[in-house]
Amino acid sequence: MESIVAKFVSNKDESVRLFSNPLLEYFSHIHPITPVVFYLPIIMYFGWRGVATTSVIMTLLFFVIGVFLWTILEYILHRFVFHYEPKTQWGKYIHFLSHGIHHDYPKDSTRLVMPLLVSVPIGIVTFAVFYGVFGVNHSAAFAGIVFGYVSYDSIHYATHHFHLKGRIGKFLKTYHLRHHYSDDHSAYGVSNPLWDYVFQTTPKRSDVPSGKGISETQDTVSP
């Protein structure tokens, strides 16, 4: 299958229509602040529940465990689900809807974060799994993984639309844009590069364009 990098890439904040059905088309767009507004109260509630049912120490411990589990899930989803190369036309269509369109229109601000129609069902399944696995500590762990997800979505949006400053901000921006404009088979971590280092999927220095292209201090990138 042809690499996503080799396909059409728009470097403007623009959208393309995906569905003829106006309702489906409407719900395929989402304001980037939505995950923060929607999930922050959920994080706070389950954090409070963790303290109320266990202790501050146990809540902090399982909150961190939840965040850590998100970093693994982020890597697995991005590498093995979003970048799975389907063989059928139907599979290619689903792949384009789920992630391919983001590589074609990486600066589309209304399709950068996950729609609630997708993230909420995933969250419900995750909660059920955590409830069974972590028992009384499920609230803190769930708050942690949701916090990890919201952080990921926020960082992802920022790498495409903000002029990030500081060593960490510049690194995350450059690192993710290498995935888009140099090699889409590397740099799967967006909020952090931990599992790229573990599984040796960090981008090669030779993959970074010289001259124009990826820059640690530019807000736009030319492929």
N, C-alpha and C. Protein backbone atom coordinates (compact mmCIF):
# COMPACT_ATOMS: atom_id res chain seq x y z
N MET A 1 0.85 -1.19 0.00
CA MET A 1 0.00 0.00 0.00
C MET A 1 0.88 1.25 0.00
N GLU A 2 0.48 2.24 -0.77
CA GLU A 2 1.27 3.46 -0.88
C GLU A 2 1.33 4.18 0.45
N SER A 3 2.49 4.68 0.79
CA SER A 3 2.66 5.37 2.06
C SER A 3 1.80 6.62 2.11
N ILE A 4 1.28 6.92 3.30
CA ILE A 4 0.46 8.11 3.48
C ILE A 4 1.24 9.36 3.12
N VAL A 5 2.54 9.37 3.40
CA VAL A 5 3.36 10.55 3.14
C VAL A 5 3.35 10.91 1.67
N ALA A 6 3.24 9.90 0.80
CA ALA A 6 3.30 10.13 -0.64
C ALA A 6 1.99 10.66 -1.20
N LYS A 7 0.93 10.72 -0.41
CA LYS A 7 -0.36 11.17 -0.88
C LYS A 7 -0.46 12.68 -0.83
N PHE A 8 -1.61 13.19 -1.26
CA PHE A 8 -1.88 14.62 -1.20
C PHE A 8 -1.77 15.13 0.23
N VAL A 9 -1.13 16.26 0.40
CA VAL A 9 -1.03 16.88 1.72
C VAL A 9 -1.37 18.35 1.59
N SER A 10 -2.40 18.77 2.30
CA SER A 10 -2.75 20.19 2.36
C SER A 10 -2.08 20.79 3.58
N ASN A 11 -1.49 21.96 3.41
CA ASN A 11 -0.84 22.61 4.55
C ASN A 11 -1.65 23.81 5.03
N LYS A 12 -2.95 23.79 4.71
CA LYS A 12 -3.84 24.85 5.14
C LYS A 12 -4.84 24.30 6.16
N ASP A 13 -5.39 25.19 6.96
CA ASP A 13 -6.44 24.79 7.89
C ASP A 13 -7.75 24.73 7.11
N GLU A 14 -7.97 23.61 6.46
CA GLU A 14 -9.15 23.43 5.63
C GLU A 14 -9.69 22.02 5.80
N SER A 15 -10.98 21.84 5.47
CA SER A 15 -11.63 20.55 5.60
C SER A 15 -12.12 20.07 4.24
N VAL A 16 -12.33 18.78 4.14
CA VAL A 16 -12.95 18.19 2.96
C VAL A 16 -14.20 17.45 3.43
N ARG A 17 -15.23 17.48 2.64
CA ARG A 17 -16.47 16.81 3.03
C ARG A 17 -16.28 15.30 2.98
N LEU A 18 -16.69 14.60 4.04
CA LEU A 18 -16.55 13.15 4.12
C LEU A 18 -17.85 12.42 3.85
N PHE A 19 -18.96 13.00 4.29
CA PHE A 19 -20.24 12.30 4.22
C PHE A 19 -21.28 13.13 3.48
N SER A 20 -22.10 12.47 2.68
CA SER A 20 -23.21 13.16 2.02
C SER A 20 -24.32 13.46 3.03
N ASN A 21 -24.43 12.61 4.05
CA ASN A 21 -25.41 12.83 5.11
C ASN A 21 -24.97 14.02 5.96
N PRO A 22 -25.78 15.08 6.04
CA PRO A 22 -25.35 16.28 6.78
C PRO A 22 -25.14 16.04 8.27
N LEU A 23 -25.91 15.11 8.85
CA LEU A 23 -25.75 14.83 10.28
C LEU A 23 -24.41 14.16 10.56
N LEU A 24 -24.06 13.16 9.74
CA LEU A 24 -22.77 12.49 9.90
C LEU A 24 -21.63 13.48 9.66
N GLU A 25 -21.80 14.33 8.66
CA GLU A 25 -20.76 15.32 8.37
C GLU A 25 -20.58 16.27 9.54
N TYR A 26 -21.69 16.69 10.14
CA TYR A 26 -21.63 17.61 11.28
C TYR A 26 -20.86 17.00 12.44
N PHE A 27 -21.15 15.74 12.75
CA PHE A 27 -20.52 15.10 13.90
C PHE A 27 -19.10 14.62 13.60
N SER A 28 -18.65 14.75 12.35
CA SER A 28 -17.26 14.40 12.05
C SER A 28 -16.32 15.55 12.38
N HIS A 29 -16.89 16.71 12.70
CA HIS A 29 -16.11 17.88 13.10
C HIS A 29 -16.26 18.09 14.61
N ILE A 30 -15.23 18.60 15.23
CA ILE A 30 -15.27 18.85 16.67
C ILE A 30 -14.33 20.00 17.01
N HIS A 31 -14.78 20.89 17.89
CA HIS A 31 -13.92 21.98 18.34
C HIS A 31 -12.80 21.39 19.20
N PRO A 32 -11.57 21.85 19.02
CA PRO A 32 -10.44 21.24 19.73
C PRO A 32 -10.49 21.35 21.25
N ILE A 33 -11.26 22.29 21.78
CA ILE A 33 -11.33 22.42 23.24
C ILE A 33 -12.34 21.46 23.84
N THR A 34 -13.15 20.81 23.01
CA THR A 34 -14.23 19.94 23.50
C THR A 34 -13.75 18.84 24.44
N PRO A 35 -12.69 18.08 24.11
CA PRO A 35 -12.25 17.03 25.03
C PRO A 35 -11.88 17.55 26.42
N VAL A 36 -11.27 18.73 26.47
CA VAL A 36 -10.89 19.31 27.76
C VAL A 36 -12.13 19.66 28.57
N VAL A 37 -13.07 20.35 27.93
CA VAL A 37 -14.30 20.77 28.62
C VAL A 37 -15.13 19.57 29.05
N PHE A 38 -15.21 18.55 28.21
CA PHE A 38 -16.05 17.39 28.50
C PHE A 38 -15.43 16.46 29.52
N TYR A 39 -14.12 16.21 29.38
CA TYR A 39 -13.49 15.18 30.21
C TYR A 39 -12.87 15.69 31.50
N LEU A 40 -12.58 16.98 31.61
CA LEU A 40 -11.97 17.49 32.84
C LEU A 40 -12.86 17.23 34.07
N PRO A 41 -14.17 17.50 34.00
CA PRO A 41 -15.01 17.17 35.16
C PRO A 41 -15.02 15.67 35.48
N ILE A 42 -14.92 14.83 34.46
CA ILE A 42 -14.88 13.38 34.66
C ILE A 42 -13.60 12.99 35.39
N ILE A 43 -12.48 13.59 34.98
CA ILE A 43 -11.20 13.32 35.64
C ILE A 43 -11.27 13.73 37.11
N MET A 44 -11.82 14.91 37.36
CA MET A 44 -11.92 15.42 38.73
C MET A 44 -12.84 14.53 39.57
N TYR A 45 -13.95 14.10 38.98
CA TYR A 45 -14.90 13.27 39.72
C TYR A 45 -14.28 11.94 40.12
N PHE A 46 -13.64 11.27 39.17
CA PHE A 46 -13.07 9.97 39.49
C PHE A 46 -11.82 10.09 40.36
N GLY A 47 -11.12 11.22 40.26
CA GLY A 47 -10.03 11.47 41.19
C GLY A 47 -10.55 11.60 42.61
N TRP A 48 -11.65 12.35 42.76
CA TRP A 48 -12.28 12.50 44.07
C TRP A 48 -12.79 11.16 44.59
N ARG A 49 -13.40 10.38 43.69
CA ARG A 49 -13.90 9.06 44.08
C ARG A 49 -12.76 8.17 44.57
N GLY A 50 -11.61 8.30 43.92
CA GLY A 50 -10.46 7.50 44.34
C GLY A 50 -10.04 7.83 45.76
N VAL A 51 -9.97 9.12 46.07
CA VAL A 51 -9.60 9.55 47.42
C VAL A 51 -10.65 9.11 48.43
N ALA A 52 -11.92 9.23 48.06
CA ALA A 52 -13.01 8.90 48.98
C ALA A 52 -13.09 7.41 49.29
N THR A 53 -12.71 6.58 48.33
CA THR A 53 -12.85 5.13 48.52
C THR A 53 -11.56 4.45 48.94
N THR A 54 -10.41 5.11 48.74
CA THR A 54 -9.13 4.51 49.15
C THR A 54 -8.36 5.52 50.00
N SER A 55 -7.34 6.12 49.44
CA SER A 55 -6.54 7.12 50.14
C SER A 55 -5.85 8.00 49.11
N VAL A 56 -5.28 9.10 49.58
CA VAL A 56 -4.59 10.01 48.67
C VAL A 56 -3.41 9.30 48.01
N ILE A 57 -2.64 8.56 48.80
CA ILE A 57 -1.46 7.86 48.27
C ILE A 57 -1.86 6.85 47.20
N MET A 58 -2.87 6.03 47.48
CA MET A 58 -3.30 5.02 46.51
C MET A 58 -3.90 5.67 45.27
N THR A 59 -4.59 6.77 45.47
CA THR A 59 -5.17 7.48 44.33
C THR A 59 -4.08 8.02 43.42
N LEU A 60 -3.06 8.63 44.01
CA LEU A 60 -1.94 9.14 43.21
C LEU A 60 -1.22 8.01 42.49
N LEU A 61 -1.01 6.90 43.18
CA LEU A 61 -0.31 5.76 42.59
C LEU A 61 -1.06 5.23 41.38
N PHE A 62 -2.35 4.99 41.53
CA PHE A 62 -3.12 4.41 40.43
C PHE A 62 -3.45 5.44 39.35
N PHE A 63 -3.45 6.71 39.71
CA PHE A 63 -3.57 7.76 38.70
C PHE A 63 -2.37 7.72 37.77
N VAL A 64 -1.18 7.62 38.36
CA VAL A 64 0.06 7.53 37.56
C VAL A 64 0.05 6.26 36.71
N ILE A 65 -0.43 5.16 37.28
CA ILE A 65 -0.53 3.92 36.52
C ILE A 65 -1.45 4.11 35.32
N GLY A 66 -2.56 4.81 35.52
CA GLY A 66 -3.48 5.09 34.42
C GLY A 66 -2.84 5.92 33.33
N VAL A 67 -2.10 6.95 33.71
CA VAL A 67 -1.39 7.77 32.72
C VAL A 67 -0.38 6.93 31.96
N PHE A 68 0.35 6.09 32.68
CA PHE A 68 1.34 5.22 32.04
C PHE A 68 0.68 4.27 31.04
N LEU A 69 -0.46 3.72 31.42
CA LEU A 69 -1.17 2.81 30.52
C LEU A 69 -1.64 3.54 29.27
N TRP A 70 -1.97 4.84 29.43
CA TRP A 70 -2.35 5.59 28.24
C TRP A 70 -1.20 5.68 27.24
N THR A 71 0.01 5.90 27.73
CA THR A 71 1.15 6.03 26.81
C THR A 71 1.32 4.76 25.97
N ILE A 72 1.07 3.61 26.58
CA ILE A 72 1.14 2.35 25.84
C ILE A 72 0.01 2.26 24.83
N LEU A 73 -1.20 2.60 25.27
CA LEU A 73 -2.36 2.54 24.38
C LEU A 73 -2.21 3.51 23.22
N GLU A 74 -1.69 4.69 23.48
CA GLU A 74 -1.46 5.69 22.43
C GLU A 74 -0.55 5.12 21.35
N TYR A 75 0.53 4.50 21.76
CA TYR A 75 1.49 3.94 20.80
C TYR A 75 0.86 2.80 20.01
N ILE A 76 0.18 1.89 20.69
CA ILE A 76 -0.42 0.73 20.03
C ILE A 76 -1.48 1.16 19.02
N LEU A 77 -2.36 2.08 19.43
CA LEU A 77 -3.40 2.54 18.53
C LEU A 77 -2.82 3.23 17.30
N HIS A 78 -1.84 4.10 17.52
CA HIS A 78 -1.28 4.85 16.41
C HIS A 78 -0.51 3.95 15.45
N ARG A 79 0.27 3.06 15.98
CA ARG A 79 1.11 2.23 15.12
C ARG A 79 0.32 1.09 14.46
N PHE A 80 -0.45 0.37 15.24
CA PHE A 80 -1.04 -0.88 14.74
C PHE A 80 -2.50 -0.76 14.29
N VAL A 81 -3.18 0.30 14.70
CA VAL A 81 -4.57 0.50 14.25
C VAL A 81 -4.64 1.60 13.21
N PHE A 82 -4.18 2.80 13.55
CA PHE A 82 -4.27 3.92 12.62
C PHE A 82 -3.36 3.74 11.41
N HIS A 83 -2.27 3.00 11.57
CA HIS A 83 -1.36 2.79 10.44
C HIS A 83 -1.38 1.36 9.92
N TYR A 84 -2.44 0.66 10.24
CA TYR A 84 -2.66 -0.65 9.61
C TYR A 84 -2.93 -0.42 8.12
N GLU A 85 -2.37 -1.27 7.27
CA GLU A 85 -2.52 -1.10 5.83
C GLU A 85 -3.52 -2.13 5.30
N PRO A 86 -4.79 -1.75 5.17
CA PRO A 86 -5.82 -2.69 4.73
C PRO A 86 -5.68 -3.05 3.26
N LYS A 87 -6.19 -4.21 2.92
CA LYS A 87 -6.10 -4.69 1.54
C LYS A 87 -7.38 -4.44 0.76
N THR A 88 -8.53 -4.41 1.43
CA THR A 88 -9.81 -4.25 0.75
C THR A 88 -10.16 -2.77 0.58
N GLN A 89 -11.03 -2.47 -0.38
CA GLN A 89 -11.46 -1.10 -0.60
C GLN A 89 -12.22 -0.57 0.61
N TRP A 90 -13.06 -1.43 1.21
CA TRP A 90 -13.79 -1.03 2.41
C TRP A 90 -12.84 -0.71 3.54
N GLY A 91 -11.82 -1.55 3.70
CA GLY A 91 -10.83 -1.32 4.74
C GLY A 91 -10.08 -0.02 4.52
N LYS A 92 -9.74 0.25 3.26
CA LYS A 92 -9.04 1.50 2.95
C LYS A 92 -9.91 2.71 3.23
N TYR A 93 -11.21 2.55 2.98
CA TYR A 93 -12.15 3.65 3.24
C TYR A 93 -12.23 3.94 4.74
N ILE A 94 -12.36 2.89 5.54
CA ILE A 94 -12.42 3.05 6.99
C ILE A 94 -11.12 3.66 7.51
N HIS A 95 -9.99 3.20 6.95
CA HIS A 95 -8.69 3.74 7.36
C HIS A 95 -8.59 5.22 7.05
N PHE A 96 -9.09 5.62 5.88
CA PHE A 96 -9.04 7.03 5.51
C PHE A 96 -9.89 7.87 6.46
N LEU A 97 -11.08 7.36 6.80
CA LEU A 97 -11.95 8.10 7.71
C LEU A 97 -11.34 8.24 9.09
N SER A 98 -10.66 7.19 9.56
CA SER A 98 -10.15 7.18 10.93
C SER A 98 -8.83 7.92 11.09
N HIS A 99 -7.98 7.89 10.05
CA HIS A 99 -6.66 8.51 10.23
C HIS A 99 -6.05 9.07 8.94
N GLY A 100 -6.36 8.43 7.81
CA GLY A 100 -5.76 8.89 6.56
C GLY A 100 -6.07 10.33 6.24
N ILE A 101 -7.29 10.75 6.55
CA ILE A 101 -7.66 12.13 6.26
C ILE A 101 -6.80 13.11 7.05
N HIS A 102 -6.38 12.71 8.25
CA HIS A 102 -5.52 13.60 9.05
C HIS A 102 -4.16 13.77 8.39
N HIS A 103 -3.66 12.74 7.73
CA HIS A 103 -2.39 12.88 7.04
C HIS A 103 -2.54 13.68 5.75
N ASP A 104 -3.70 13.66 5.14
CA ASP A 104 -3.95 14.48 3.95
C ASP A 104 -4.22 15.94 4.32
N TYR A 105 -4.89 16.14 5.43
CA TYR A 105 -5.24 17.49 5.90
C TYR A 105 -4.77 17.65 7.35
N PRO A 106 -3.46 17.68 7.58
CA PRO A 106 -2.94 17.66 8.95
C PRO A 106 -3.23 18.92 9.77
N LYS A 107 -3.59 20.02 9.10
CA LYS A 107 -3.86 21.25 9.84
C LYS A 107 -5.36 21.55 9.95
N ASP A 108 -6.19 20.59 9.57
CA ASP A 108 -7.63 20.76 9.72
C ASP A 108 -7.98 20.80 11.21
N SER A 109 -8.26 22.00 11.71
CA SER A 109 -8.44 22.18 13.16
C SER A 109 -9.73 21.54 13.69
N THR A 110 -10.67 21.21 12.81
CA THR A 110 -11.93 20.63 13.28
C THR A 110 -11.92 19.11 13.24
N ARG A 111 -10.81 18.52 12.79
CA ARG A 111 -10.72 17.06 12.78
C ARG A 111 -9.39 16.59 13.39
N LEU A 112 -8.86 17.37 14.31
CA LEU A 112 -7.60 17.01 14.94
C LEU A 112 -7.79 16.19 16.21
N VAL A 113 -8.85 16.47 16.94
CA VAL A 113 -9.12 15.71 18.16
C VAL A 113 -10.24 14.71 17.90
N MET A 114 -10.31 13.68 18.73
CA MET A 114 -11.26 12.60 18.50
C MET A 114 -12.69 13.04 18.81
N PRO A 115 -13.64 12.80 17.90
CA PRO A 115 -15.04 13.14 18.17
C PRO A 115 -15.57 12.38 19.39
N LEU A 116 -16.48 12.99 20.11
CA LEU A 116 -17.05 12.35 21.30
C LEU A 116 -17.80 11.06 20.95
N LEU A 117 -18.36 11.00 19.74
CA LEU A 117 -19.06 9.78 19.33
C LEU A 117 -18.12 8.59 19.26
N VAL A 118 -16.83 8.85 19.17
CA VAL A 118 -15.82 7.78 19.15
C VAL A 118 -15.21 7.60 20.53
N SER A 119 -14.80 8.71 21.15
CA SER A 119 -14.06 8.61 22.42
C SER A 119 -14.93 8.15 23.59
N VAL A 120 -16.20 8.52 23.60
CA VAL A 120 -17.07 8.13 24.72
C VAL A 120 -17.29 6.61 24.77
N PRO A 121 -17.64 5.95 23.66
CA PRO A 121 -17.75 4.48 23.71
C PRO A 121 -16.46 3.79 24.13
N ILE A 122 -15.32 4.30 23.63
CA ILE A 122 -14.04 3.73 24.03
C ILE A 122 -13.83 3.92 25.53
N GLY A 123 -14.22 5.09 26.04
CA GLY A 123 -14.09 5.36 27.46
C GLY A 123 -14.96 4.44 28.31
N ILE A 124 -16.15 4.15 27.84
CA ILE A 124 -17.05 3.25 28.58
C ILE A 124 -16.46 1.84 28.66
N VAL A 125 -15.93 1.37 27.54
CA VAL A 125 -15.30 0.04 27.53
C VAL A 125 -14.08 0.03 28.45
N THR A 126 -13.29 1.09 28.39
CA THR A 126 -12.10 1.19 29.25
C THR A 126 -12.48 1.18 30.72
N PHE A 127 -13.53 1.91 31.07
CA PHE A 127 -13.98 1.94 32.46
C PHE A 127 -14.40 0.54 32.92
N ALA A 128 -15.11 -0.18 32.07
CA ALA A 128 -15.56 -1.53 32.43
C ALA A 128 -14.37 -2.45 32.67
N VAL A 129 -13.36 -2.34 31.81
CA VAL A 129 -12.15 -3.16 31.97
C VAL A 129 -11.43 -2.80 33.26
N PHE A 130 -11.27 -1.51 33.52
CA PHE A 130 -10.58 -1.06 34.73
C PHE A 130 -11.35 -1.48 35.99
N TYR A 131 -12.66 -1.43 35.91
CA TYR A 131 -13.49 -1.83 37.06
C TYR A 131 -13.23 -3.29 37.42
N GLY A 132 -13.07 -4.12 36.39
CA GLY A 132 -12.81 -5.53 36.64
C GLY A 132 -11.38 -5.82 37.05
N VAL A 133 -10.43 -5.06 36.50
CA VAL A 133 -9.01 -5.34 36.73
C VAL A 133 -8.50 -4.70 38.02
N PHE A 134 -8.86 -3.45 38.28
CA PHE A 134 -8.28 -2.71 39.40
C PHE A 134 -9.14 -2.70 40.66
N GLY A 135 -10.35 -3.21 40.57
CA GLY A 135 -11.19 -3.28 41.76
C GLY A 135 -11.44 -1.92 42.38
N VAL A 136 -11.17 -1.80 43.67
CA VAL A 136 -11.45 -0.57 44.39
C VAL A 136 -10.63 0.61 43.88
N ASN A 137 -9.54 0.34 43.18
CA ASN A 137 -8.67 1.40 42.66
C ASN A 137 -9.01 1.80 41.22
N HIS A 138 -10.15 1.34 40.72
CA HIS A 138 -10.48 1.61 39.32
C HIS A 138 -10.72 3.10 39.06
N SER A 139 -11.27 3.82 40.03
CA SER A 139 -11.57 5.24 39.82
C SER A 139 -10.31 6.05 39.54
N ALA A 140 -9.28 5.85 40.36
CA ALA A 140 -8.04 6.60 40.19
C ALA A 140 -7.35 6.23 38.88
N ALA A 141 -7.33 4.94 38.55
CA ALA A 141 -6.69 4.50 37.31
C ALA A 141 -7.43 5.06 36.10
N PHE A 142 -8.76 5.08 36.18
CA PHE A 142 -9.56 5.62 35.07
C PHE A 142 -9.33 7.11 34.92
N ALA A 143 -9.27 7.83 36.03
CA ALA A 143 -8.97 9.26 35.97
C ALA A 143 -7.61 9.50 35.31
N GLY A 144 -6.65 8.63 35.60
CA GLY A 144 -5.31 8.77 35.03
C GLY A 144 -5.28 8.54 33.54
N ILE A 145 -5.96 7.49 33.06
CA ILE A 145 -5.91 7.20 31.63
C ILE A 145 -6.69 8.25 30.84
N VAL A 146 -7.77 8.78 31.42
CA VAL A 146 -8.51 9.84 30.74
C VAL A 146 -7.67 11.12 30.70
N PHE A 147 -6.95 11.41 31.79
CA PHE A 147 -6.04 12.55 31.79
C PHE A 147 -4.98 12.39 30.71
N GLY A 148 -4.44 11.18 30.58
CA GLY A 148 -3.45 10.92 29.55
C GLY A 148 -4.01 11.16 28.17
N TYR A 149 -5.25 10.72 27.94
CA TYR A 149 -5.88 10.92 26.63
C TYR A 149 -6.09 12.40 26.33
N VAL A 150 -6.61 13.15 27.29
CA VAL A 150 -6.85 14.58 27.08
C VAL A 150 -5.54 15.31 26.83
N SER A 151 -4.49 14.93 27.56
CA SER A 151 -3.17 15.53 27.34
C SER A 151 -2.68 15.24 25.94
N TYR A 152 -2.87 14.01 25.49
CA TYR A 152 -2.48 13.62 24.13
C TYR A 152 -3.20 14.46 23.09
N ASP A 153 -4.53 14.56 23.20
CA ASP A 153 -5.30 15.33 22.23
C ASP A 153 -4.86 16.79 22.22
N SER A 154 -4.60 17.36 23.40
CA SER A 154 -4.19 18.76 23.50
C SER A 154 -2.81 18.97 22.90
N ILE A 155 -1.89 18.07 23.20
CA ILE A 155 -0.54 18.18 22.64
C ILE A 155 -0.57 18.00 21.13
N HIS A 156 -1.38 17.05 20.66
CA HIS A 156 -1.49 16.81 19.22
C HIS A 156 -1.96 18.07 18.50
N TYR A 157 -2.99 18.70 19.04
CA TYR A 157 -3.48 19.94 18.42
C TYR A 157 -2.39 21.01 18.45
N ALA A 158 -1.71 21.13 19.57
CA ALA A 158 -0.68 22.17 19.71
C ALA A 158 0.46 21.98 18.73
N THR A 159 0.85 20.73 18.45
CA THR A 159 1.97 20.50 17.53
C THR A 159 1.64 20.97 16.12
N HIS A 160 0.36 21.01 15.79
CA HIS A 160 -0.04 21.43 14.44
C HIS A 160 -0.40 22.91 14.36
N HIS A 161 -0.76 23.54 15.48
CA HIS A 161 -1.31 24.89 15.40
C HIS A 161 -0.65 25.92 16.31
N PHE A 162 0.17 25.51 17.24
CA PHE A 162 0.78 26.47 18.15
C PHE A 162 2.27 26.62 17.86
N HIS A 163 2.76 27.82 18.13
CA HIS A 163 4.20 28.07 18.07
C HIS A 163 4.77 27.67 19.43
N LEU A 164 5.11 26.40 19.57
CA LEU A 164 5.54 25.89 20.87
C LEU A 164 6.93 26.40 21.23
N LYS A 165 7.08 26.79 22.48
CA LYS A 165 8.35 27.31 22.96
C LYS A 165 8.93 26.38 24.00
N GLY A 166 10.17 26.61 24.32
CA GLY A 166 10.84 25.77 25.30
C GLY A 166 11.35 24.49 24.67
N ARG A 167 12.26 23.86 25.35
CA ARG A 167 12.92 22.67 24.82
C ARG A 167 11.94 21.53 24.56
N ILE A 168 11.05 21.27 25.52
CA ILE A 168 10.10 20.17 25.38
C ILE A 168 9.08 20.46 24.28
N GLY A 169 8.53 21.67 24.28
CA GLY A 169 7.54 22.04 23.28
C GLY A 169 8.09 21.95 21.87
N LYS A 170 9.28 22.48 21.65
CA LYS A 170 9.90 22.43 20.32
C LYS A 170 10.19 20.99 19.91
N PHE A 171 10.63 20.18 20.88
CA PHE A 171 10.93 18.78 20.57
C PHE A 171 9.67 18.05 20.13
N LEU A 172 8.57 18.19 20.90
CA LEU A 172 7.34 17.48 20.58
C LEU A 172 6.78 17.90 19.23
N LYS A 173 6.86 19.20 18.93
CA LYS A 173 6.37 19.70 17.64
C LYS A 173 7.18 19.12 16.49
N THR A 174 8.49 19.23 16.57
CA THR A 174 9.35 18.72 15.52
C THR A 174 9.22 17.21 15.38
N TYR A 175 9.14 16.52 16.50
CA TYR A 175 9.07 15.06 16.50
C TYR A 175 7.81 14.58 15.78
N HIS A 176 6.67 15.21 16.10
CA HIS A 176 5.43 14.76 15.46
C HIS A 176 5.39 15.15 13.98
N LEU A 177 5.91 16.32 13.65
CA LEU A 177 5.86 16.73 12.25
C LEU A 177 6.79 15.89 11.38
N ARG A 178 7.80 15.29 11.96
CA ARG A 178 8.60 14.32 11.20
C ARG A 178 7.73 13.14 10.78
N HIS A 179 6.83 12.74 11.67
CA HIS A 179 5.93 11.63 11.35
C HIS A 179 5.06 11.98 10.14
N HIS A 180 4.66 13.25 10.05
CA HIS A 180 3.79 13.67 8.96
C HIS A 180 4.54 13.93 7.66
N TYR A 181 5.68 14.56 7.75
CA TYR A 181 6.33 15.08 6.55
C TYR A 181 7.60 14.35 6.13
N SER A 182 8.05 13.39 6.92
CA SER A 182 9.28 12.67 6.58
C SER A 182 9.06 11.17 6.48
N ASP A 183 8.54 10.57 7.54
CA ASP A 183 8.40 9.11 7.57
C ASP A 183 7.24 8.73 8.47
N ASP A 184 6.12 8.30 7.87
CA ASP A 184 4.95 7.96 8.67
C ASP A 184 5.03 6.58 9.29
N HIS A 185 6.17 5.92 9.13
CA HIS A 185 6.40 4.63 9.78
C HIS A 185 7.34 4.78 10.97
N SER A 186 7.41 5.97 11.52
CA SER A 186 8.21 6.23 12.72
C SER A 186 7.52 7.32 13.52
N ALA A 187 8.04 7.58 14.73
CA ALA A 187 7.52 8.65 15.59
C ALA A 187 6.03 8.49 15.85
N TYR A 188 5.63 7.33 16.33
CA TYR A 188 4.21 7.08 16.62
C TYR A 188 3.76 7.74 17.91
N GLY A 189 4.67 7.98 18.82
CA GLY A 189 4.31 8.66 20.05
C GLY A 189 4.08 10.14 19.80
N VAL A 190 2.97 10.67 20.28
CA VAL A 190 2.64 12.08 20.09
C VAL A 190 2.87 12.86 21.38
N SER A 191 2.33 12.37 22.47
CA SER A 191 2.50 13.06 23.75
C SER A 191 3.87 12.81 24.36
N ASN A 192 4.53 11.73 23.92
CA ASN A 192 5.88 11.40 24.41
C ASN A 192 6.48 10.35 23.48
N PRO A 193 7.81 10.28 23.41
CA PRO A 193 8.47 9.33 22.50
C PRO A 193 8.91 8.03 23.18
N LEU A 194 8.46 7.78 24.42
CA LEU A 194 8.97 6.65 25.21
C LEU A 194 8.96 5.34 24.44
N TRP A 195 7.80 4.95 23.92
CA TRP A 195 7.68 3.63 23.31
C TRP A 195 8.32 3.56 21.94
N ASP A 196 8.53 4.71 21.31
CA ASP A 196 9.32 4.72 20.07
C ASP A 196 10.76 4.30 20.36
N TYR A 197 11.29 4.77 21.49
CA TYR A 197 12.64 4.37 21.87
C TYR A 197 12.68 2.89 22.26
N VAL A 198 11.66 2.43 22.97
CA VAL A 198 11.62 1.03 23.40
C VAL A 198 11.57 0.10 22.20
N PHE A 199 10.71 0.43 21.22
CA PHE A 199 10.51 -0.45 20.06
C PHE A 199 11.28 0.00 18.82
N GLN A 200 12.19 0.97 19.02
CA GLN A 200 13.10 1.42 17.96
C GLN A 200 12.34 1.92 16.73
N THR A 201 11.38 2.79 16.96
CA THR A 201 10.66 3.41 15.85
C THR A 201 10.84 4.93 15.85
N THR A 202 11.95 5.38 16.41
CA THR A 202 12.26 6.81 16.34
C THR A 202 12.71 7.14 14.92
N PRO A 203 12.45 8.36 14.44
CA PRO A 203 12.86 8.72 13.08
C PRO A 203 14.37 8.83 12.97
N LYS A 204 14.89 8.48 11.82
CA LYS A 204 16.32 8.60 11.55
C LYS A 204 16.64 10.06 11.24
N ARG A 205 17.82 10.48 11.60
CA ARG A 205 18.22 11.86 11.30
C ARG A 205 18.21 12.12 9.81
N SER A 206 18.49 11.08 9.02
CA SER A 206 18.52 11.24 7.57
C SER A 206 17.14 11.48 6.99
N ASP A 207 16.07 11.21 7.80
CA ASP A 207 14.71 11.42 7.34
C ASP A 207 14.28 12.87 7.44
N VAL A 208 15.07 13.70 8.13
CA VAL A 208 14.68 15.08 8.35
C VAL A 208 15.12 15.93 7.17
N PRO A 209 14.18 16.61 6.48
CA PRO A 209 14.55 17.43 5.34
C PRO A 209 15.46 18.57 5.75
N SER A 210 16.38 18.92 4.90
CA SER A 210 17.26 20.05 5.17
C SER A 210 16.68 21.28 4.49
N GLY A 211 17.12 22.47 4.89
CA GLY A 211 16.61 23.69 4.30
C GLY A 211 15.18 23.92 4.73
N LYS A 212 14.28 24.09 3.75
CA LYS A 212 12.88 24.27 4.11
C LYS A 212 12.30 22.94 4.55
N GLY A 213 11.26 22.97 5.29
CA GLY A 213 10.66 21.73 5.78
C GLY A 213 10.44 21.80 7.26
N ILE A 214 10.77 20.77 7.96
CA ILE A 214 10.53 20.74 9.40
C ILE A 214 11.47 21.71 10.10
N SER A 215 10.91 22.50 10.95
CA SER A 215 11.70 23.44 11.73
C SER A 215 11.17 23.47 13.14
N GLU A 216 12.04 23.57 14.09
CA GLU A 216 11.63 23.59 15.49
C GLU A 216 10.97 24.92 15.86
N THR A 217 11.13 25.94 15.01
CA THR A 217 10.61 27.24 15.38
C THR A 217 9.54 27.74 14.43
N GLN A 218 9.14 26.95 13.44
CA GLN A 218 8.12 27.37 12.49
C GLN A 218 6.78 26.77 12.85
N ASP A 219 5.69 27.50 12.53
CA ASP A 219 4.35 26.99 12.77
C ASP A 219 3.81 26.24 11.57
N THR A 220 4.38 26.44 10.41
CA THR A 220 3.95 25.72 9.22
C THR A 220 5.12 24.94 8.68
N VAL A 221 4.82 23.88 8.01
CA VAL A 221 5.84 22.99 7.50
C VAL A 221 5.54 22.68 6.06
N SER A 222 6.52 22.78 5.21
CA SER A 222 6.34 22.44 3.81
C SER A 222 6.82 21.04 3.56
N PRO A 223 5.98 20.18 2.94
CA PRO A 223 6.40 18.81 2.70
C PRO A 223 7.45 18.75 1.60
